[in-house]
Amino acid sequence: MQNEDETVPSARGRIVMLVDNDIVRDSRVQKAAKSIADAGWEVHLLGVHSAKRPRTWMLGGAHVRHLRPHHTLLRNRHSVWRATLRRPLAYAHPNVADYRRRLVQSRRADLAASRLAPGAGRPVRKTWLLARRVTAKLQARWFALRARQTDSLAKARGNPRAPLERITLKFWQTLLGDRAWRVLDRNLWDWDSAYGKVIDQLEPDIIHANDFRMLGVGARAARRARAKGRPVKLVWDAHEFLPGIRPWGIGSRWLPAMIAHEREYAGDADAVVTVSEALADKLVDAHGLRHKPTVVLNAPVTEGESTSTDPVPDLRELCGVGPGVPIAVYSGSASVQRGLDIMIEALPRLPELHVALIVATARSEYVQGLRARAVELGVDDRVHTLPYVPFDQVAPFLSAADLGVIPIHHWPNHEIALITKFFEYAHARLPIIVSDVQAMGDMVKATGQGEVFHAQDLDDYVRAVEAVLGDPQRYRAVYDDRPDLLHEWTWEAQAEILDGVYTKLLPSAARTSAPAPEASGSPPASGDQLIGAQD
């Protein structure tokens, strides 16, 4: 393991890549870091981890480092609620309501036990117990009233359409404009505190900021560098259309804060790259960009030495099934909007089919819910949850399946994306079953590499699966008939595009000849080294 302070001199330039996750589950940033390092750049990839001791390792020729942000400003600013105006009888916090609920229950249980104790029928003790019963009932009713007020207040604070919440949000947006994120979500400053000094010490020529949180971190670092006389360039890699995502932050102010933050710093980028043509067009409209972003697809690695020394796992062996048993596979993030429940609900109607869910963790609440539903339907023996594999093993790992499924729901961001798993399924030469989201649905219809079904329509999903299983070779033949598709859908082709973006920003770094790739290193020796498809 190499110390992060040891750097490899490069004739092309130093690139610092920023990402707001632990890196090991993000195939796009890993592929970018390794391929750009192989192209002769000095690459430092910075991510985050909750471990007390930061870790460093080499990914090919790229230096990878975990930082540990302290989310001091993430504290819920309503930890003590000032509820006088909205719900005057609400408790100061839901936790207080939980405490009071348990206390009322305990007192009632104690009273019931006291009434059964010896001597409870004596006149004095009976009178005393009656007074306790009356008091307990009054306390219970008073608690119930305040608990309802507390629940109502919690819903109001989380509801962006609640009148006071809308007024407050509108006030800050009107007063501060795109700077409103400084009030709506101060946690964004915590990310800057974690990354800022490290970026400054590395003195990059190019800062590559992945997604919306890192955009502000990178922009402020570039401003500091330019103030000191260093002409740093900023590349913004937009993975999502932020206004179109399903909010995954806490509270109703999270998404407006992220949108404002992105708008404030979008103009700082010297170059913008993104994942699809449709998203590129939306970014131009949303931010008034002078140039259309360069598209770098989330395509899989198909050539070169693997970063893993382990053989490719056998999907069928892990599922415990033989070569003649059909397997439908899903690889990637598991959440409600991904629509995985339809794969479980269909199993009673597809009696031979097995489902393999390759997900980050089988212990998540959503995945556990899917498994519980499989037990209810009596199909749990045909549902298998498997861990991620290294990003450059995903396609060969998936190739043992019979079809790849992308059952995502209709969300604005889902309509415009050709996501990683789409290309990974293609390179595994799997027929693809996808819901009728626009970009992927249109692509599958155009190529004939699979079937499109109406999102969340169980009958239509079953129809699509039966069609593919009835004639799988018809769909697989597309990959033989259209080799140009698979060539374009490779990370090697996309890496050349990304290298061109950097070279345009730093003409002095133009490559005169292709450098020999450096030896691949190893990710951290832990369970985190199992990585895979990132949506």
Protein backbone atom coordinates (compact mmCIF):
# COMPACT_ATOMS: atom_id res chain seq x y z
CA MET A 1 0.00 0.00 0.00
CA GLN A 2 1.42 3.29 -1.02
CA ASN A 3 1.42 6.42 1.10
CA GLU A 4 -0.88 9.08 -0.31
CA ASP A 5 1.91 11.64 -0.08
CA GLU A 6 4.04 9.68 -2.55
CA THR A 7 3.28 10.96 -6.01
CA VAL A 8 4.34 9.74 -9.41
CA PRO A 9 5.71 12.53 -11.62
CA SER A 10 3.70 12.86 -14.80
CA ALA A 11 4.44 14.71 -18.01
CA ARG A 12 0.72 15.17 -18.65
CA GLY A 13 -0.60 16.74 -15.45
CA ARG A 14 -2.15 16.05 -12.06
CA ILE A 15 -5.87 15.31 -11.75
CA VAL A 16 -7.78 15.18 -8.48
CA MET A 17 -11.08 13.32 -8.76
CA LEU A 18 -13.74 13.93 -6.09
CA VAL A 19 -16.68 11.70 -5.22
CA ASP A 20 -19.05 11.76 -2.24
CA ASN A 21 -19.18 7.99 -1.67
CA ASP A 22 -16.80 5.23 -0.57
CA ILE A 23 -15.51 4.65 -4.16
CA VAL A 24 -15.60 0.87 -3.86
CA ARG A 25 -19.24 0.70 -4.99
CA ASP A 26 -18.94 3.30 -7.75
CA SER A 27 -17.75 1.68 -10.94
CA ARG A 28 -17.78 4.91 -12.99
CA VAL A 29 -15.25 6.74 -10.84
CA GLN A 30 -13.06 3.66 -10.51
CA LYS A 31 -12.98 3.12 -14.27
CA ALA A 32 -12.24 6.78 -14.88
CA ALA A 33 -9.42 6.93 -12.35
CA LYS A 34 -7.71 3.77 -13.55
CA SER A 35 -8.03 4.43 -17.27
CA ILE A 36 -6.88 8.05 -17.03
CA ALA A 37 -3.91 7.01 -14.91
CA ASP A 38 -3.10 4.37 -17.52
CA ALA A 39 -3.18 7.15 -20.13
CA GLY A 40 -0.30 8.92 -18.38
CA TRP A 41 -1.99 11.34 -16.01
CA GLU A 42 -1.21 11.49 -12.31
CA VAL A 43 -4.55 10.73 -10.68
CA HIS A 44 -5.67 11.12 -7.07
CA LEU A 45 -9.18 9.84 -6.33
CA LEU A 46 -10.72 11.12 -3.08
CA GLY A 47 -13.79 9.54 -1.48
CA VAL A 48 -15.26 9.09 1.97
CA HIS A 49 -15.52 6.35 4.55
CA SER A 50 -16.72 6.19 8.14
CA ALA A 51 -13.69 4.23 9.38
CA LYS A 52 -11.65 6.01 12.03
CA ARG A 53 -8.39 5.41 10.18
CA PRO A 54 -8.40 6.74 6.59
CA ARG A 55 -7.22 4.24 4.02
CA THR A 56 -5.17 4.57 0.88
CA TRP A 57 -4.48 2.16 -1.93
CA MET A 58 -3.59 2.00 -5.61
CA LEU A 59 -6.15 1.35 -8.34
CA GLY A 60 -3.98 0.65 -11.33
CA GLY A 61 -1.82 3.76 -11.46
CA ALA A 62 -4.31 5.93 -9.56
CA HIS A 63 -3.85 6.93 -5.92
CA VAL A 64 -7.06 6.32 -3.98
CA ARG A 65 -7.71 7.88 -0.59
CA HIS A 66 -10.58 7.76 1.86
CA LEU A 67 -11.41 10.86 3.87
CA ARG A 68 -13.61 10.98 6.94
CA PRO A 69 -15.99 13.94 6.95
CA HIS A 70 -17.47 15.09 10.24
CA HIS A 71 -21.11 15.90 9.56
CA THR A 72 -21.36 18.48 12.29
CA LEU A 73 -23.79 20.63 10.35
CA LEU A 74 -26.03 17.68 9.47
CA ARG A 75 -27.66 18.00 12.91
CA ASN A 76 -31.40 18.33 12.51
CA ARG A 77 -31.99 21.99 13.20
CA HIS A 78 -35.41 20.96 14.56
CA SER A 79 -33.89 18.70 17.25
CA VAL A 80 -35.71 21.04 19.64
CA TRP A 81 -38.90 22.16 17.95
CA ARG A 82 -40.27 25.58 18.46
CA ALA A 83 -43.81 24.47 17.86
CA THR A 84 -45.73 27.28 19.53
CA LEU A 85 -47.25 28.66 16.34
CA ARG A 86 -47.88 25.47 14.37
CA ARG A 87 -48.74 22.86 17.00
CA PRO A 88 -48.69 24.44 20.50
CA LEU A 89 -49.34 21.12 22.28
CA ALA A 90 -46.72 19.07 20.39
CA TYR A 91 -43.81 17.62 22.28
CA ALA A 92 -40.40 19.21 21.73
CA HIS A 93 -39.30 16.25 19.60
CA PRO A 94 -40.70 12.87 18.43
CA ASN A 95 -38.20 11.18 20.73
CA VAL A 96 -39.89 12.88 23.68
CA ALA A 97 -43.23 11.54 22.47
CA ASP A 98 -41.77 8.03 22.28
CA TYR A 99 -40.48 8.38 25.86
CA ARG A 100 -43.83 9.59 27.14
CA ARG A 101 -45.66 6.80 25.28
CA ARG A 102 -43.49 4.16 26.91
CA LEU A 103 -43.94 5.82 30.33
CA VAL A 104 -47.75 5.80 30.03
CA GLN A 105 -47.70 2.14 28.97
CA SER A 106 -45.45 1.23 31.87
CA ARG A 107 -47.62 3.00 34.42
CA ARG A 108 -50.74 1.28 33.13
CA ALA A 109 -49.02 -2.10 33.29
CA ASP A 110 -47.88 -1.37 36.83
CA LEU A 111 -51.41 -0.35 37.84
CA ALA A 112 -52.84 -3.58 36.38
CA ALA A 113 -50.31 -5.59 38.41
CA SER A 114 -51.13 -3.63 41.58
CA ARG A 115 -54.84 -4.44 41.25
CA LEU A 116 -53.95 -8.14 41.33
CA ALA A 117 -51.73 -7.85 44.39
CA PRO A 118 -52.86 -9.28 47.78
CA GLY A 119 -54.99 -6.80 49.74
CA ALA A 120 -56.09 -4.84 46.66
CA GLY A 121 -59.73 -5.16 47.74
CA ARG A 122 -59.28 -3.39 51.05
CA PRO A 123 -61.23 -0.08 51.18
CA VAL A 124 -58.22 2.24 51.62
CA ARG A 125 -56.13 0.47 48.99
CA LYS A 126 -59.12 0.22 46.66
CA THR A 127 -59.69 3.99 46.93
CA TRP A 128 -56.01 4.62 46.28
CA LEU A 129 -56.05 2.34 43.22
CA LEU A 130 -59.17 4.09 41.90
CA ALA A 131 -57.41 7.45 42.16
CA ARG A 132 -54.45 5.98 40.26
CA ARG A 133 -56.77 4.64 37.54
CA VAL A 134 -58.42 8.04 37.08
CA THR A 135 -55.02 9.74 36.98
CA ALA A 136 -53.68 7.18 34.48
CA LYS A 137 -56.67 7.70 32.18
CA LEU A 138 -56.26 11.45 32.26
CA GLN A 139 -52.53 11.12 31.58
CA ALA A 140 -53.21 8.74 28.69
CA ARG A 141 -55.72 11.11 27.09
CA TRP A 142 -53.41 14.08 27.54
CA PHE A 143 -50.54 12.11 26.03
CA ALA A 144 -52.70 10.95 23.09
CA LEU A 145 -53.64 14.56 22.31
CA ARG A 146 -50.02 15.76 22.42
CA ALA A 147 -48.81 12.73 20.46
CA ARG A 148 -51.30 13.50 17.67
CA GLN A 149 -50.04 17.08 17.64
CA THR A 150 -46.44 15.83 17.48
CA ASP A 151 -47.15 13.44 14.60
CA SER A 152 -49.03 16.17 12.77
CA LEU A 153 -46.12 18.58 13.21
CA ALA A 154 -43.62 15.98 11.98
CA LYS A 155 -45.68 15.46 8.83
CA ALA A 156 -46.02 19.19 8.29
CA ARG A 157 -42.27 19.76 8.60
CA GLY A 158 -41.62 16.99 6.07
CA ASN A 159 -44.28 18.14 3.65
CA PRO A 160 -42.98 20.66 1.10
CA ARG A 161 -46.57 21.70 0.38
CA ALA A 162 -47.34 22.63 3.98
CA PRO A 163 -48.17 26.38 4.01
CA LEU A 164 -45.56 27.47 6.55
CA GLU A 165 -42.88 25.29 4.96
CA ARG A 166 -43.62 26.79 1.54
CA ILE A 167 -43.55 30.31 2.94
CA THR A 168 -40.24 29.71 4.73
CA LEU A 169 -38.66 28.09 1.68
CA LYS A 170 -39.88 30.85 -0.63
CA PHE A 171 -38.57 33.49 1.75
CA TRP A 172 -35.01 32.16 1.71
CA GLN A 173 -35.05 31.51 -2.03
CA THR A 174 -36.25 35.05 -2.70
CA LEU A 175 -33.82 36.62 -0.27
CA LEU A 176 -30.69 34.63 -1.20
CA GLY A 177 -31.42 33.13 -4.62
CA ASP A 178 -28.99 30.31 -5.43
CA ARG A 179 -27.14 31.06 -2.20
CA ALA A 180 -30.15 29.79 -0.24
CA TRP A 181 -28.53 26.37 0.24
CA ARG A 182 -26.38 27.98 2.94
CA VAL A 183 -29.51 28.14 5.10
CA LEU A 184 -31.50 25.19 3.75
CA ASP A 185 -28.73 22.57 4.05
CA ARG A 186 -25.56 23.67 5.83
CA ASN A 187 -24.21 20.12 5.70
CA LEU A 188 -22.74 20.99 2.29
CA TRP A 189 -20.07 22.95 4.19
CA ASP A 190 -19.04 19.75 5.98
CA TRP A 191 -18.02 18.20 2.66
CA ASP A 192 -15.90 21.24 1.91
CA SER A 193 -14.21 20.97 5.29
CA ALA A 194 -13.31 17.32 4.65
CA TYR A 195 -11.93 17.75 1.13
CA GLY A 196 -10.69 21.32 0.92
CA LYS A 197 -7.27 21.11 2.59
CA VAL A 198 -6.39 17.83 0.87
CA ILE A 199 -7.18 19.27 -2.57
CA ASP A 200 -5.13 22.39 -1.83
CA GLN A 201 -2.14 20.29 -0.74
CA LEU A 202 -2.23 18.19 -3.91
CA GLU A 203 -2.14 21.33 -6.13
CA PRO A 204 -3.95 19.74 -9.09
CA ASP A 205 -3.94 20.95 -12.67
CA ILE A 206 -7.49 19.64 -13.12
CA ILE A 207 -10.20 19.00 -10.54
CA HIS A 208 -12.77 16.43 -11.63
CA ALA A 209 -15.91 16.82 -9.47
CA ASN A 210 -18.39 13.96 -9.64
CA ASP A 211 -22.02 15.00 -9.20
CA PHE A 212 -23.70 17.86 -7.40
CA ARG A 213 -22.16 17.80 -3.91
CA MET A 214 -18.62 17.71 -5.20
CA LEU A 215 -19.30 20.46 -7.74
CA GLY A 216 -19.27 23.11 -5.01
CA VAL A 217 -16.24 21.55 -3.29
CA GLY A 218 -14.31 21.53 -6.55
CA ALA A 219 -15.41 25.03 -7.57
CA ARG A 220 -14.31 26.58 -4.29
CA ALA A 221 -10.98 24.73 -4.44
CA ALA A 222 -10.42 26.01 -7.98
CA ARG A 223 -11.19 29.58 -6.88
CA ARG A 224 -8.66 29.31 -4.05
CA ALA A 225 -6.01 27.97 -6.40
CA ARG A 226 -6.57 30.70 -8.98
CA ALA A 227 -6.33 33.33 -6.26
CA LYS A 228 -2.84 32.00 -5.55
CA GLY A 229 -1.87 32.17 -9.21
CA ARG A 230 -2.37 28.51 -10.18
CA PRO A 231 -4.55 28.14 -13.32
CA VAL A 232 -6.63 25.13 -12.22
CA LYS A 233 -9.33 23.74 -14.50
CA LEU A 234 -12.63 22.34 -13.20
CA VAL A 235 -14.46 19.40 -14.82
CA TRP A 236 -17.98 18.70 -13.60
CA ASP A 237 -19.19 15.13 -14.15
CA ALA A 238 -23.00 15.28 -13.85
CA HIS A 239 -24.39 11.82 -13.13
CA GLU A 240 -28.00 12.87 -12.50
CA PHE A 241 -30.56 15.45 -13.55
CA LEU A 242 -31.00 16.78 -10.05
CA PRO A 243 -34.54 18.25 -10.40
CA GLY A 244 -35.69 14.85 -11.66
CA ILE A 245 -34.43 12.60 -8.89
CA ARG A 246 -36.47 11.12 -6.08
CA PRO A 247 -35.16 13.02 -3.02
CA TRP A 248 -33.10 10.80 -0.76
CA GLY A 249 -32.03 13.48 1.70
CA ILE A 250 -33.80 14.23 4.96
CA GLY A 251 -36.60 16.80 5.00
CA SER A 252 -38.40 18.89 2.42
CA ARG A 253 -35.55 21.39 2.03
CA TRP A 254 -32.88 18.96 0.89
CA LEU A 255 -33.68 18.92 -2.82
CA PRO A 256 -34.20 22.71 -3.18
CA ALA A 257 -30.89 23.19 -1.36
CA MET A 258 -29.04 20.79 -3.70
CA ILE A 259 -30.57 22.40 -6.79
CA ALA A 260 -29.56 25.88 -5.61
CA HIS A 261 -26.04 24.67 -4.81
CA GLU A 262 -25.68 23.12 -8.26
CA ARG A 263 -26.98 26.25 -10.01
CA GLU A 264 -24.58 28.50 -8.11
CA TYR A 265 -21.49 26.58 -9.19
CA ALA A 266 -22.44 25.11 -12.59
CA GLY A 267 -21.00 28.16 -14.34
CA ASP A 268 -17.60 27.59 -12.68
CA ALA A 269 -16.97 24.42 -14.67
CA ASP A 270 -14.48 24.73 -17.52
CA ALA A 271 -15.90 21.54 -19.00
CA VAL A 272 -18.96 19.43 -18.26
CA VAL A 273 -19.30 15.73 -18.95
CA THR A 274 -22.38 13.62 -18.39
CA VAL A 275 -23.85 10.18 -18.99
CA SER A 276 -26.34 10.63 -21.86
CA GLU A 277 -27.31 12.95 -24.70
CA ALA A 278 -30.73 13.61 -23.16
CA LEU A 279 -29.16 14.64 -19.85
CA ALA A 280 -26.67 16.86 -21.69
CA ASP A 281 -29.56 18.74 -23.32
CA LYS A 282 -31.32 19.18 -19.96
CA LEU A 283 -28.16 20.55 -18.35
CA VAL A 284 -27.81 23.14 -21.10
CA ASP A 285 -31.39 24.27 -20.56
CA ALA A 286 -31.17 24.24 -16.77
CA HIS A 287 -27.87 26.11 -16.41
CA GLY A 288 -27.49 28.05 -19.65
CA LEU A 289 -24.21 26.28 -20.40
CA ARG A 290 -22.19 27.81 -23.23
CA HIS A 291 -21.32 24.39 -24.64
CA LYS A 292 -23.20 21.12 -24.65
CA PRO A 293 -21.66 18.65 -22.16
CA THR A 294 -19.53 15.84 -23.51
CA VAL A 295 -21.19 12.46 -23.15
CA VAL A 296 -19.14 9.73 -21.45
CA LEU A 297 -21.31 6.65 -21.21
CA ASN A 298 -21.33 4.35 -18.17
CA ALA A 299 -20.01 1.52 -20.31
CA PRO A 300 -18.18 -1.51 -18.87
CA VAL A 301 -14.49 -2.36 -19.10
CA THR A 302 -13.93 -5.08 -21.70
CA GLU A 303 -10.15 -5.13 -22.15
CA GLY A 304 -6.97 -5.01 -20.11
CA GLU A 305 -5.83 -6.58 -16.89
CA SER A 306 -8.35 -7.06 -14.11
CA THR A 307 -7.90 -5.18 -10.85
CA SER A 308 -8.80 -8.41 -9.05
CA THR A 309 -6.55 -11.45 -8.76
CA ASP A 310 -9.55 -13.68 -7.99
CA PRO A 311 -11.31 -15.69 -10.71
CA VAL A 312 -14.73 -14.59 -11.91
CA PRO A 313 -17.34 -16.11 -9.57
CA ASP A 314 -19.77 -18.64 -11.04
CA LEU A 315 -23.26 -17.12 -10.90
CA ARG A 316 -25.01 -20.47 -11.25
CA GLU A 317 -22.89 -22.10 -8.58
CA LEU A 318 -23.70 -19.26 -6.17
CA CYS A 319 -27.41 -19.72 -6.92
CA GLY A 320 -27.11 -23.49 -6.61
CA VAL A 321 -28.69 -24.23 -10.01
CA GLY A 322 -27.60 -26.14 -13.07
CA PRO A 323 -27.12 -24.95 -16.66
CA GLY A 324 -30.66 -25.70 -17.77
CA VAL A 325 -32.41 -23.57 -15.13
CA PRO A 326 -33.45 -20.07 -16.33
CA ILE A 327 -32.14 -17.13 -14.27
CA ALA A 328 -33.31 -13.52 -14.44
CA VAL A 329 -30.68 -11.19 -13.01
CA TYR A 330 -30.78 -7.68 -11.59
CA SER A 331 -27.50 -5.93 -10.78
CA GLY A 332 -27.27 -2.57 -9.03
CA SER A 333 -28.92 -0.36 -6.44
CA ALA A 334 -31.95 -1.80 -4.67
CA SER A 335 -34.74 0.60 -3.73
CA VAL A 336 -38.47 1.06 -4.21
CA GLN A 337 -38.14 3.13 -7.38
CA ARG A 338 -35.99 0.39 -8.96
CA GLY A 339 -39.12 -1.77 -9.09
CA LEU A 340 -37.57 -5.08 -8.03
CA ASP A 341 -40.78 -6.21 -6.37
CA ILE A 342 -42.26 -7.10 -9.76
CA MET A 343 -39.55 -9.73 -10.24
CA ILE A 344 -40.68 -11.45 -7.02
CA GLU A 345 -44.43 -11.08 -7.65
CA ALA A 346 -44.05 -12.75 -11.07
CA LEU A 347 -42.36 -15.92 -9.81
CA PRO A 348 -45.56 -17.89 -9.01
CA ARG A 349 -46.53 -17.43 -12.67
CA LEU A 350 -43.07 -18.36 -13.95
CA PRO A 351 -42.56 -21.68 -12.14
CA GLU A 352 -39.09 -22.54 -13.47
CA LEU A 353 -37.48 -19.09 -13.26
CA HIS A 354 -34.94 -18.13 -10.60
CA VAL A 355 -34.11 -14.52 -9.69
CA ALA A 356 -30.60 -13.35 -8.78
CA LEU A 357 -30.38 -9.94 -7.12
CA ILE A 358 -26.80 -8.64 -7.15
CA VAL A 359 -26.97 -5.82 -4.64
CA ALA A 360 -24.71 -3.88 -2.29
CA THR A 361 -26.18 -5.47 0.82
CA ALA A 362 -28.74 -8.18 1.38
CA ARG A 363 -29.41 -6.73 4.84
CA SER A 364 -31.09 -3.53 3.65
CA GLU A 365 -34.70 -3.03 4.70
CA TYR A 366 -35.91 -3.05 1.10
CA VAL A 367 -34.12 -6.29 0.15
CA GLN A 368 -35.29 -7.95 3.38
CA GLY A 369 -38.82 -6.92 2.44
CA LEU A 370 -38.42 -8.59 -0.98
CA ARG A 371 -37.22 -11.79 0.67
CA ALA A 372 -40.12 -11.72 3.12
CA ARG A 373 -42.55 -11.36 0.24
CA ALA A 374 -40.88 -14.31 -1.52
CA VAL A 375 -41.50 -16.40 1.61
CA GLU A 376 -45.19 -15.37 1.61
CA LEU A 377 -45.50 -16.44 -2.03
CA GLY A 378 -43.65 -19.71 -1.42
CA VAL A 379 -40.88 -18.88 -3.91
CA ASP A 380 -38.02 -18.00 -1.54
CA ASP A 381 -36.02 -21.01 -2.77
CA ARG A 382 -35.85 -19.32 -6.18
CA VAL A 383 -34.67 -15.90 -4.97
CA HIS A 384 -30.94 -15.41 -4.49
CA THR A 385 -29.16 -12.30 -3.17
CA LEU A 386 -25.53 -12.06 -4.22
CA PRO A 387 -22.78 -9.49 -3.52
CA TYR A 388 -21.16 -7.16 -6.02
CA VAL A 389 -18.09 -8.34 -7.92
CA PRO A 390 -15.16 -6.16 -9.13
CA PHE A 391 -16.31 -3.75 -11.83
CA ASP A 392 -14.23 -5.40 -14.55
CA GLN A 393 -15.74 -8.83 -13.77
CA VAL A 394 -19.39 -7.78 -13.93
CA ALA A 395 -20.10 -8.67 -17.58
CA PRO A 396 -18.53 -12.17 -17.50
CA PHE A 397 -20.22 -12.82 -14.14
CA LEU A 398 -23.64 -11.86 -15.51
CA SER A 399 -23.21 -13.86 -18.70
CA ALA A 400 -24.26 -17.08 -16.94
CA ALA A 401 -27.81 -15.72 -16.58
CA ASP A 402 -30.56 -15.97 -19.21
CA LEU A 403 -31.87 -12.42 -19.12
CA GLY A 404 -31.17 -9.07 -17.48
CA VAL A 405 -33.99 -7.02 -15.95
CA ILE A 406 -34.30 -3.25 -15.49
CA PRO A 407 -37.78 -2.75 -13.97
CA ILE A 408 -37.39 0.88 -12.86
CA HIS A 409 -40.39 3.14 -12.31
CA HIS A 410 -41.19 6.32 -14.19
CA TRP A 411 -39.17 9.18 -12.70
CA PRO A 412 -37.86 12.10 -14.76
CA ASN A 413 -34.27 11.00 -14.20
CA HIS A 414 -35.02 7.43 -15.24
CA GLU A 415 -36.46 8.54 -18.57
CA ILE A 416 -33.22 10.07 -19.86
CA ALA A 417 -30.56 7.61 -18.73
CA LEU A 418 -28.78 4.67 -20.30
CA ILE A 419 -27.59 3.28 -16.99
CA THR A 420 -24.55 1.14 -16.26
CA LYS A 421 -26.39 -2.14 -15.97
CA PHE A 422 -27.88 -1.66 -19.44
CA PHE A 423 -24.41 -1.79 -20.99
CA GLU A 424 -23.23 -4.53 -18.64
CA TYR A 425 -26.16 -6.73 -19.64
CA ALA A 426 -25.36 -6.05 -23.28
CA HIS A 427 -21.70 -7.05 -22.90
CA ALA A 428 -22.85 -10.16 -21.07
CA ARG A 429 -24.93 -10.77 -24.24
CA LEU A 430 -28.13 -11.03 -22.25
CA PRO A 431 -31.57 -10.29 -23.60
CA ILE A 432 -32.75 -7.19 -21.73
CA ILE A 433 -36.21 -6.73 -20.23
CA VAL A 434 -36.76 -3.07 -19.39
CA SER A 435 -39.73 -0.99 -18.31
CA ASP A 436 -41.01 1.58 -20.78
CA VAL A 437 -38.80 4.44 -19.59
CA GLN A 438 -37.94 6.53 -22.60
CA ALA A 439 -34.22 6.22 -23.34
CA MET A 440 -33.71 2.54 -22.56
CA GLY A 441 -37.12 1.49 -23.83
CA ASP A 442 -36.51 3.22 -27.16
CA MET A 443 -33.05 1.67 -27.44
CA VAL A 444 -34.31 -1.87 -26.84
CA LYS A 445 -37.11 -1.37 -29.36
CA ALA A 446 -34.65 -0.04 -31.92
CA THR A 447 -32.06 -2.81 -31.53
CA GLY A 448 -34.33 -5.76 -30.76
CA GLN A 449 -32.05 -6.89 -27.93
CA GLY A 450 -34.94 -7.51 -25.56
CA GLU A 451 -38.51 -6.71 -24.59
CA VAL A 452 -40.15 -3.57 -23.18
CA PHE A 453 -43.00 -3.82 -20.65
CA HIS A 454 -45.26 -1.22 -19.05
CA ALA A 455 -43.67 -0.13 -15.77
CA GLN A 456 -45.30 -1.71 -12.69
CA ASP A 457 -47.59 -3.85 -14.90
CA LEU A 458 -47.23 -7.44 -13.66
CA ASP A 459 -49.11 -9.03 -16.56
CA ASP A 460 -46.99 -7.23 -19.14
CA TYR A 461 -43.79 -8.10 -17.28
CA VAL A 462 -44.72 -11.80 -17.30
CA ARG A 463 -45.45 -11.53 -21.04
CA ALA A 464 -42.01 -10.03 -21.68
CA VAL A 465 -40.20 -12.72 -19.68
CA GLU A 466 -42.10 -15.52 -21.41
CA ALA A 467 -41.29 -14.00 -24.81
CA VAL A 468 -37.56 -13.93 -24.08
CA LEU A 469 -37.43 -17.40 -22.53
CA GLY A 470 -39.40 -18.74 -25.49
CA ASP A 471 -36.75 -17.70 -28.04
CA PRO A 472 -33.62 -16.35 -26.29
CA GLN A 473 -31.36 -16.75 -29.32
CA ARG A 474 -33.47 -14.28 -31.27
CA TYR A 475 -32.48 -11.54 -28.85
CA ARG A 476 -28.88 -12.62 -28.34
CA ALA A 477 -28.32 -12.60 -32.10
CA VAL A 478 -28.48 -8.79 -32.08
CA TYR A 479 -25.04 -8.66 -30.44
CA ASP A 480 -23.55 -10.75 -33.24
CA ASP A 481 -25.35 -8.81 -35.96
CA ARG A 482 -24.42 -5.37 -34.52
CA PRO A 483 -20.79 -5.54 -33.30
CA ASP A 484 -20.62 -1.74 -33.64
CA LEU A 485 -22.98 -1.43 -30.68
CA LEU A 486 -20.74 -3.33 -28.31
CA HIS A 487 -17.64 -1.51 -29.54
CA GLU A 488 -19.19 1.89 -28.81
CA TRP A 489 -20.54 0.60 -25.49
CA THR A 490 -17.10 -0.03 -23.97
CA TRP A 491 -15.29 1.96 -21.32
CA GLU A 492 -12.16 1.88 -23.47
CA ALA A 493 -13.96 3.97 -26.11
CA GLN A 494 -15.39 6.30 -23.46
CA ALA A 495 -12.01 6.73 -21.75
CA GLU A 496 -10.62 8.17 -24.98
CA ILE A 497 -13.41 10.75 -24.94
CA LEU A 498 -12.65 11.70 -21.34
CA ASP A 499 -8.94 11.95 -22.08
CA GLY A 500 -9.82 14.30 -24.91
CA VAL A 501 -11.73 16.56 -22.49
CA TYR A 502 -8.68 16.83 -20.23
CA THR A 503 -6.31 17.40 -23.13
CA LYS A 504 -8.45 20.21 -24.49
CA LEU A 505 -8.31 21.93 -21.10
CA LEU A 506 -4.56 21.36 -20.79
CA PRO A 507 -3.13 21.39 -24.34
CA SER A 508 0.42 21.04 -23.05
CA ALA A 509 -0.57 17.57 -21.82
CA ALA A 510 -1.35 16.25 -25.33
CA ARG A 511 -0.21 12.66 -25.62
CA THR A 512 2.46 11.94 -28.20
CA SER A 513 2.39 8.18 -27.74
CA ALA A 514 0.37 5.78 -25.66
CA PRO A 515 2.07 5.02 -22.34
CA ALA A 516 2.37 1.49 -21.07
CA PRO A 517 -0.27 0.79 -18.42
CA GLU A 518 0.98 0.59 -14.88
CA ALA A 519 0.55 -2.58 -12.85
CA SER A 520 -2.79 -2.84 -11.16
CA GLY A 521 -2.84 -2.58 -7.41
CA SER A 522 -5.38 -3.84 -4.94
CA PRO A 523 -8.31 -2.20 -3.21
CA PRO A 524 -8.59 -2.41 0.56
CA ALA A 525 -8.35 -5.94 1.92
CA SER A 526 -11.88 -6.08 3.25
CA GLY A 527 -15.40 -6.92 2.21
CA ASP A 528 -15.50 -3.53 0.47
CA GLN A 529 -13.42 -4.90 -2.39
CA LEU A 530 -16.58 -6.53 -3.75
CA ILE A 531 -17.80 -3.83 -6.06
CA GLY A 532 -19.97 -3.70 -9.10
CA ALA A 533 -22.59 -1.97 -11.11
CA GLN A 534 -23.36 1.59 -10.15
CA ASP A 535 -26.60 2.96 -11.59
